[in-house]
Amino acid sequence: LALVLPIVGMLIFSGMTILDKRSVVSEMDSLQELAELAPSISALVHELQKERGTSAVFIGSKGTKFVKELPEQWALSSQVHADLNTALTSFNAKSFGTNLVNKVATATEALDGLDATRKGVEGRTITVPKMAGYYTPTIAKLLKIVVEMAVLSTNAEVTKSITAYTSFLQGKERAGIERAMGGAGFGAGKFAPGIYRKFLQLIAMQNTFLSTFDIYASQEERDFLTNTVVGEDVDSVKRMRKIAIESPITNSVEGITGPKWFGTITKKINLLKVVEDKVAGDLVDLTHDIRSSANTTFMILLVFTLVLLAITAVLVTVIVRGITQPIAGMTESMSVLAGGDKSIEIE
């Protein structure tokens, strides 16, 4: 018994650990599946951001700029949209719960309004704020699908990585809206008050989200951002921003056109996309590593538990035999004695 009790204790501990590791494996499987869907969502978000910016320049210039580029962007966005729909056909949102199912449905329904918005842009029957009022919420609904990862995770390291990733996505989205508002202002030759206020807000919001990213990202990711988003185009965006911010005072945009602004900030946003892809890849790798480690531990403990069970079975058998054999001997002796007594009585 003194040998069995410690083994039983080890079996209980091993069993609890096996359940925990199995839970980790299951969670990482789910997160990895969602993380692998994220690039398809991100790709559509990226194209819709460009479409929003292109539309803003087209409307702001009264249909004189991006006449050719706009249909080309629509075609590209539509292709990426089709790719996402294909990815969603093999993605089982129901396995993640009602919240994710609803978010996928909401984003899909919002995308149904894409054609109508494009027609409004093409006929210039829609204003820049109204146009942005379609694209921005639609993009936000797509990003909410990715943000759901943070809700699903119970691992502190993964949650930190998800927070860094989603904060970066939100910062990049504000850069995309800045592109649209700047495109409208520079395209029109001046910043209307509403566009101007929105432009300033977006710069501040970008800084807030990127500051959050800086807190939760790894040092490698922070360094990658610093070393990637640099160069003449990034510096040019800063100079153009300054001109836009000072335009109510100077009453000038210094000859900067909508296409010039759009082309320059698009190059910067493309650099942000490189960082985004790096952070997304890191998240997938992290969930894979944690899953692999948990699965390895799970298999080792499973074998260990089976060995303990075998040892326990052997010990219990030995103990039972050790108890039953003396009892059997005592019974036999008593039977002999009982038989002897009877013989005495007969005599």
Protein backbone atom coordinates (compact mmCIF):
# COMPACT_ATOMS: atom_id res chain seq x y z
CA LEU A 1 0.00 0.00 0.00
CA ALA A 2 2.87 2.36 0.78
CA LEU A 3 4.07 1.89 -2.80
CA VAL A 4 0.66 2.21 -4.45
CA LEU A 5 -0.42 5.52 -2.87
CA PRO A 6 2.48 7.61 -4.31
CA ILE A 7 1.86 6.06 -7.73
CA VAL A 8 -1.83 6.91 -7.50
CA GLY A 9 -0.83 10.50 -6.64
CA MET A 10 1.44 10.62 -9.68
CA LEU A 11 -1.38 9.24 -11.83
CA ILE A 12 -3.75 11.98 -10.68
CA PHE A 13 -1.14 14.69 -11.34
CA SER A 14 -0.27 13.20 -14.71
CA GLY A 15 -3.92 12.95 -15.69
CA MET A 16 -4.58 16.59 -14.79
CA THR A 17 -1.53 17.71 -16.76
CA ILE A 18 -2.59 15.62 -19.75
CA LEU A 19 -6.00 17.33 -19.74
CA ASP A 20 -4.34 20.75 -19.49
CA LYS A 21 -1.93 20.08 -22.37
CA ARG A 22 -4.72 18.64 -24.47
CA SER A 23 -6.67 21.84 -23.86
CA VAL A 24 -3.65 23.92 -24.93
CA VAL A 25 -3.29 21.88 -28.13
CA SER A 26 -6.98 22.37 -28.92
CA GLU A 27 -6.79 26.12 -28.26
CA MET A 28 -3.67 26.57 -30.39
CA ASP A 29 -5.31 24.57 -33.20
CA SER A 30 -8.20 27.04 -33.18
CA LEU A 31 -6.00 30.11 -32.96
CA GLN A 32 -3.73 28.84 -35.71
CA GLU A 33 -6.72 28.24 -37.98
CA LEU A 34 -7.95 31.79 -37.36
CA ALA A 35 -4.43 33.22 -37.70
CA GLU A 36 -4.07 31.49 -41.06
CA LEU A 37 -7.36 33.06 -42.21
CA ALA A 38 -6.12 36.51 -41.13
CA PRO A 39 -3.88 37.08 -44.21
CA SER A 40 -6.88 36.64 -46.52
CA ILE A 41 -8.81 39.20 -44.48
CA SER A 42 -5.78 41.48 -44.32
CA ALA A 43 -5.30 41.28 -48.10
CA LEU A 44 -8.89 42.41 -48.71
CA VAL A 45 -8.59 45.15 -46.10
CA HIS A 46 -5.42 46.38 -47.83
CA GLU A 47 -7.16 46.56 -51.22
CA LEU A 48 -10.28 48.20 -49.81
CA GLN A 49 -8.06 50.79 -48.15
CA LYS A 50 -6.53 51.57 -51.55
CA GLU A 51 -9.98 51.61 -53.13
CA ARG A 52 -11.17 54.09 -50.51
CA GLY A 53 -8.16 56.33 -51.17
CA THR A 54 -8.49 56.09 -54.95
CA SER A 55 -12.21 56.91 -54.69
CA ALA A 56 -11.48 59.93 -52.49
CA VAL A 57 -9.03 61.38 -55.04
CA PHE A 58 -11.49 60.68 -57.88
CA ILE A 59 -14.36 62.41 -56.07
CA GLY A 60 -12.17 65.24 -54.73
CA SER A 61 -10.82 66.01 -58.20
CA LYS A 62 -14.37 65.99 -59.64
CA GLY A 63 -13.64 62.91 -61.70
CA THR A 64 -10.50 64.24 -63.39
CA LYS A 65 -7.98 62.04 -61.58
CA PHE A 66 -7.71 58.24 -61.31
CA VAL A 67 -10.21 57.75 -64.14
CA LYS A 68 -8.28 54.70 -65.34
CA GLU A 69 -6.87 53.56 -61.98
CA LEU A 70 -10.22 53.32 -60.22
CA PRO A 71 -11.71 50.48 -62.36
CA GLU A 72 -8.38 48.65 -62.14
CA GLN A 73 -8.51 48.89 -58.34
CA TRP A 74 -12.09 47.64 -58.33
CA ALA A 75 -11.06 44.59 -60.32
CA LEU A 76 -8.16 43.88 -57.95
CA SER A 77 -10.32 44.28 -54.85
CA SER A 78 -12.98 42.00 -56.35
CA GLN A 79 -10.42 39.28 -56.99
CA VAL A 80 -9.12 39.44 -53.43
CA HIS A 81 -12.72 39.45 -52.19
CA ALA A 82 -13.34 36.25 -54.16
CA ASP A 83 -10.19 34.72 -52.61
CA LEU A 84 -11.49 35.50 -49.12
CA ASN A 85 -14.86 33.93 -49.95
CA THR A 86 -13.01 30.79 -51.05
CA ALA A 87 -11.04 30.73 -47.78
CA LEU A 88 -14.25 31.15 -45.77
CA THR A 89 -15.87 28.12 -47.43
CA SER A 90 -13.35 25.84 -45.71
CA PHE A 91 -13.36 27.83 -42.45
CA ASN A 92 -15.71 26.49 -39.79
CA ALA A 93 -16.67 29.65 -37.91
CA LYS A 94 -19.25 27.71 -35.85
CA SER A 95 -16.47 25.87 -34.05
CA PHE A 96 -15.33 29.21 -32.57
CA GLY A 97 -18.71 30.16 -31.14
CA THR A 98 -21.59 32.51 -31.86
CA ASN A 99 -19.56 35.72 -31.61
CA LEU A 100 -17.28 34.82 -34.49
CA VAL A 101 -20.15 33.48 -36.58
CA ASN A 102 -21.95 36.80 -36.16
CA LYS A 103 -18.84 38.82 -37.00
CA VAL A 104 -18.22 36.85 -40.18
CA ALA A 105 -21.88 37.26 -41.18
CA THR A 106 -21.84 41.00 -40.44
CA ALA A 107 -18.68 41.57 -42.50
CA THR A 108 -20.03 39.49 -45.38
CA GLU A 109 -23.30 41.44 -45.41
CA ALA A 110 -21.40 44.75 -45.38
CA LEU A 111 -19.41 43.67 -48.43
CA ASP A 112 -22.68 43.18 -50.30
CA GLY A 113 -22.93 46.98 -50.50
CA LEU A 114 -19.65 47.31 -52.40
CA ASP A 115 -21.17 47.51 -55.89
CA ALA A 116 -23.68 50.19 -54.91
CA THR A 117 -20.93 52.34 -53.38
CA ARG A 118 -18.79 51.95 -56.48
CA LYS A 119 -21.65 53.13 -58.65
CA GLY A 120 -22.01 56.21 -56.45
CA VAL A 121 -18.30 56.93 -56.79
CA GLU A 122 -18.34 56.37 -60.54
CA GLY A 123 -21.28 58.75 -61.04
CA ARG A 124 -19.95 61.14 -58.39
CA THR A 125 -23.32 61.04 -56.66
CA ILE A 126 -21.63 60.37 -53.33
CA THR A 127 -19.45 62.67 -51.19
CA VAL A 128 -16.06 61.72 -49.78
CA PRO A 129 -17.36 61.50 -46.17
CA LYS A 130 -20.31 59.34 -47.28
CA MET A 131 -18.03 57.13 -49.36
CA ALA A 132 -15.64 56.76 -46.43
CA GLY A 133 -18.69 56.10 -44.27
CA TYR A 134 -19.17 52.86 -46.17
CA TYR A 135 -15.57 51.66 -46.53
CA THR A 136 -14.36 52.47 -43.01
CA PRO A 137 -17.09 50.55 -41.09
CA THR A 138 -16.83 47.66 -43.56
CA ILE A 139 -13.08 47.41 -43.01
CA ALA A 140 -13.66 47.67 -39.25
CA LYS A 141 -16.06 44.69 -39.43
CA LEU A 142 -13.44 42.65 -41.27
CA LEU A 143 -10.82 43.53 -38.66
CA LYS A 144 -13.15 42.45 -35.85
CA ILE A 145 -12.89 38.89 -37.15
CA VAL A 146 -9.13 39.00 -36.57
CA VAL A 147 -9.51 40.77 -33.20
CA GLU A 148 -11.63 37.81 -32.03
CA MET A 149 -8.37 35.88 -31.61
CA ALA A 150 -7.65 37.89 -28.46
CA VAL A 151 -10.91 36.65 -26.93
CA LEU A 152 -10.15 33.01 -27.74
CA SER A 153 -6.68 32.94 -26.22
CA THR A 154 -5.93 32.05 -22.59
CA ASN A 155 -2.16 32.03 -23.11
CA ALA A 156 -0.52 35.26 -21.91
CA GLU A 157 2.27 35.15 -24.51
CA VAL A 158 -0.16 34.57 -27.36
CA THR A 159 -2.53 37.28 -26.09
CA LYS A 160 0.37 39.72 -26.04
CA SER A 161 1.30 38.83 -29.62
CA ILE A 162 -2.34 39.12 -30.76
CA THR A 163 -2.63 42.55 -29.11
CA ALA A 164 0.49 43.72 -30.93
CA TYR A 165 -0.83 42.38 -34.25
CA THR A 166 -4.35 43.82 -33.95
CA SER A 167 -3.03 47.18 -32.70
CA PHE A 168 -0.79 47.37 -35.74
CA LEU A 169 -3.73 46.50 -38.02
CA GLN A 170 -5.76 49.31 -36.46
CA GLY A 171 -2.88 51.77 -36.84
CA LYS A 172 -2.43 50.81 -40.49
CA GLU A 173 -6.18 51.23 -41.07
CA ARG A 174 -5.95 54.81 -39.76
CA ALA A 175 -3.10 55.40 -42.19
CA GLY A 176 -5.42 54.15 -44.91
CA ILE A 177 -8.17 56.60 -43.92
CA GLU A 178 -5.54 59.35 -43.75
CA ARG A 179 -4.66 58.48 -47.34
CA ALA A 180 -8.31 58.96 -48.35
CA MET A 181 -8.81 62.23 -46.46
CA GLY A 182 -5.50 63.61 -47.70
CA GLY A 183 -6.40 62.52 -51.22
CA ALA A 184 -9.68 64.43 -51.00
CA GLY A 185 -8.00 67.56 -49.60
CA PHE A 186 -5.03 67.67 -51.95
CA GLY A 187 -7.23 66.59 -54.86
CA ALA A 188 -9.57 69.54 -54.27
CA GLY A 189 -6.68 71.97 -53.81
CA LYS A 190 -7.74 72.74 -50.22
CA PHE A 191 -8.87 70.96 -47.08
CA ALA A 192 -12.53 71.51 -46.23
CA PRO A 193 -13.07 71.89 -42.44
CA GLY A 194 -14.60 68.43 -41.98
CA ILE A 195 -11.86 66.71 -44.00
CA TYR A 196 -9.20 68.72 -42.16
CA ARG A 197 -10.45 67.73 -38.69
CA LYS A 198 -10.66 64.09 -39.71
CA PHE A 199 -7.14 64.27 -41.14
CA LEU A 200 -5.71 65.49 -37.82
CA GLN A 201 -7.66 62.90 -35.82
CA LEU A 202 -6.29 60.08 -37.94
CA ILE A 203 -2.69 61.11 -37.39
CA ALA A 204 -3.28 61.13 -33.63
CA MET A 205 -5.07 57.76 -33.71
CA GLN A 206 -2.23 56.18 -35.68
CA ASN A 207 0.23 57.27 -33.03
CA THR A 208 -1.98 55.80 -30.29
CA PHE A 209 -2.30 52.39 -31.94
CA LEU A 210 1.37 52.22 -32.88
CA SER A 211 2.28 53.12 -29.28
CA THR A 212 0.19 50.13 -28.14
CA PHE A 213 1.99 47.98 -30.69
CA ASP A 214 5.31 49.21 -29.31
CA ILE A 215 4.30 48.04 -25.81
CA TYR A 216 3.20 44.52 -26.77
CA ALA A 217 5.41 43.69 -29.75
CA SER A 218 8.67 41.79 -29.39
CA GLN A 219 11.94 43.67 -29.64
CA GLU A 220 12.57 41.98 -32.98
CA GLU A 221 9.23 43.27 -34.31
CA ARG A 222 9.87 46.78 -33.04
CA ASP A 223 13.27 46.81 -34.69
CA PHE A 224 11.75 45.45 -37.90
CA LEU A 225 9.23 48.32 -37.95
CA THR A 226 11.97 50.90 -37.34
CA ASN A 227 14.22 49.48 -40.05
CA THR A 228 11.44 48.85 -42.62
CA VAL A 229 9.25 51.95 -42.55
CA VAL A 230 11.99 54.40 -43.51
CA GLY A 231 13.19 56.25 -46.59
CA GLU A 232 12.36 59.20 -48.81
CA ASP A 233 8.69 58.29 -49.21
CA VAL A 234 8.16 58.13 -45.46
CA ASP A 235 9.90 61.51 -45.07
CA SER A 236 7.81 62.93 -47.91
CA VAL A 237 4.61 61.90 -46.15
CA LYS A 238 5.77 63.83 -43.09
CA ARG A 239 6.43 66.93 -45.21
CA MET A 240 3.06 66.67 -46.95
CA ARG A 241 1.33 66.21 -43.62
CA LYS A 242 2.94 69.41 -42.38
CA ILE A 243 1.74 71.27 -45.47
CA ALA A 244 -1.79 69.92 -44.97
CA ILE A 245 -1.80 70.83 -41.26
CA GLU A 246 -0.65 74.37 -42.02
CA SER A 247 -2.93 74.82 -45.06
CA PRO A 248 -5.74 76.67 -43.20
CA ILE A 249 -3.14 79.31 -42.26
CA THR A 250 -1.20 79.40 -45.53
CA ASN A 251 -4.33 78.84 -47.66
CA SER A 252 -2.20 76.64 -49.91
CA VAL A 253 -1.33 72.99 -50.49
CA GLU A 254 1.84 74.06 -52.29
CA GLY A 255 0.91 72.42 -55.56
CA ILE A 256 0.64 68.90 -54.12
CA THR A 257 -1.92 66.94 -56.10
CA GLY A 258 -4.19 64.12 -54.98
CA PRO A 259 -2.30 61.51 -57.04
CA LYS A 260 1.05 62.75 -55.71
CA TRP A 261 -0.13 62.36 -52.11
CA PHE A 262 -1.82 59.04 -52.84
CA GLY A 263 1.23 57.55 -54.57
CA THR A 264 3.63 58.64 -51.84
CA ILE A 265 1.60 57.54 -48.82
CA THR A 266 0.70 54.29 -50.61
CA LYS A 267 4.41 53.45 -50.72
CA LYS A 268 4.59 54.06 -46.99
CA ILE A 269 1.48 51.94 -46.36
CA ASN A 270 3.00 49.16 -48.48
CA LEU A 271 5.97 49.21 -46.10
CA LEU A 272 3.54 48.97 -43.19
CA LYS A 273 2.01 45.95 -44.94
CA VAL A 274 5.44 44.27 -44.95
CA VAL A 275 5.62 44.77 -41.17
CA GLU A 276 2.04 43.55 -40.78
CA ASP A 277 2.85 40.34 -42.66
CA LYS A 278 5.91 39.81 -40.47
CA VAL A 279 3.89 40.23 -37.25
CA ALA A 280 1.14 37.95 -38.58
CA GLY A 281 3.73 35.30 -39.44
CA ASP A 282 5.24 35.58 -35.97
CA LEU A 283 1.81 34.97 -34.44
CA VAL A 284 1.24 31.85 -36.55
CA ASP A 285 4.72 30.57 -35.64
CA LEU A 286 4.11 31.24 -31.95
CA THR A 287 0.83 29.30 -31.87
CA HIS A 288 2.51 26.48 -33.81
CA ASP A 289 5.44 26.32 -31.37
CA ILE A 290 3.20 26.34 -28.28
CA ARG A 291 0.96 23.69 -29.83
CA SER A 292 3.95 21.54 -30.76
CA SER A 293 5.45 21.82 -27.26
CA ALA A 294 2.12 21.05 -25.57
CA ASN A 295 1.49 18.11 -27.89
CA THR A 296 4.96 16.67 -27.18
CA THR A 297 4.39 16.98 -23.43
CA PHE A 298 0.95 15.42 -23.87
CA MET A 299 2.39 12.35 -25.65
CA ILE A 300 5.21 11.90 -23.11
CA LEU A 301 2.80 12.13 -20.18
CA LEU A 302 0.39 9.75 -21.88
CA VAL A 303 3.12 7.11 -22.20
CA PHE A 304 4.24 7.84 -18.62
CA THR A 305 0.67 7.41 -17.37
CA LEU A 306 0.24 4.11 -19.20
CA VAL A 307 3.48 2.85 -17.62
CA LEU A 308 2.28 3.94 -14.17
CA LEU A 309 -1.03 2.19 -14.73
CA ALA A 310 0.80 -0.99 -15.68
CA ILE A 311 3.02 -0.75 -12.58
CA THR A 312 -0.04 -0.07 -10.40
CA ALA A 313 -1.83 -3.09 -11.85
CA VAL A 314 1.17 -5.31 -11.11
CA LEU A 315 1.51 -3.99 -7.54
CA VAL A 316 -2.20 -4.41 -6.83
CA THR A 317 -2.02 -7.98 -8.14
CA VAL A 318 0.98 -8.72 -5.90
CA ILE A 319 -0.72 -7.15 -2.88
CA VAL A 320 -3.96 -9.03 -3.48
CA ARG A 321 -2.06 -12.31 -3.85
CA GLY A 322 -0.08 -11.52 -0.73
CA ILE A 323 -3.29 -11.08 1.21
CA THR A 324 -5.28 -13.95 -0.30
CA GLN A 325 -2.56 -16.62 0.01
CA PRO A 326 -2.21 -16.38 3.83
CA ILE A 327 -5.99 -16.37 4.14
CA ALA A 328 -6.18 -19.49 1.95
CA GLY A 329 -3.54 -21.15 4.12
CA MET A 330 -5.39 -20.29 7.29
CA THR A 331 -8.63 -21.67 5.84
CA GLU A 332 -6.93 -24.92 4.90
CA SER A 333 -5.45 -25.31 8.39
CA MET A 334 -8.77 -24.70 9.98
CA SER A 335 -10.36 -27.30 7.71
CA VAL A 336 -7.76 -29.85 8.76
CA LEU A 337 -8.36 -29.07 12.40
CA ALA A 338 -12.06 -29.34 11.94
CA GLY A 339 -11.65 -32.72 10.26
CA GLY A 340 -9.45 -33.93 13.12
CA ASP A 341 -12.08 -33.05 15.70
CA LYS A 342 -14.66 -35.11 13.87
CA SER A 343 -12.42 -38.15 13.90
CA ILE A 344 -12.05 -37.83 17.65
CA GLU A 345 -15.80 -37.66 18.09
CA ILE A 346 -16.23 -40.87 16.00
CA GLU A 347 -13.74 -42.71 18.08
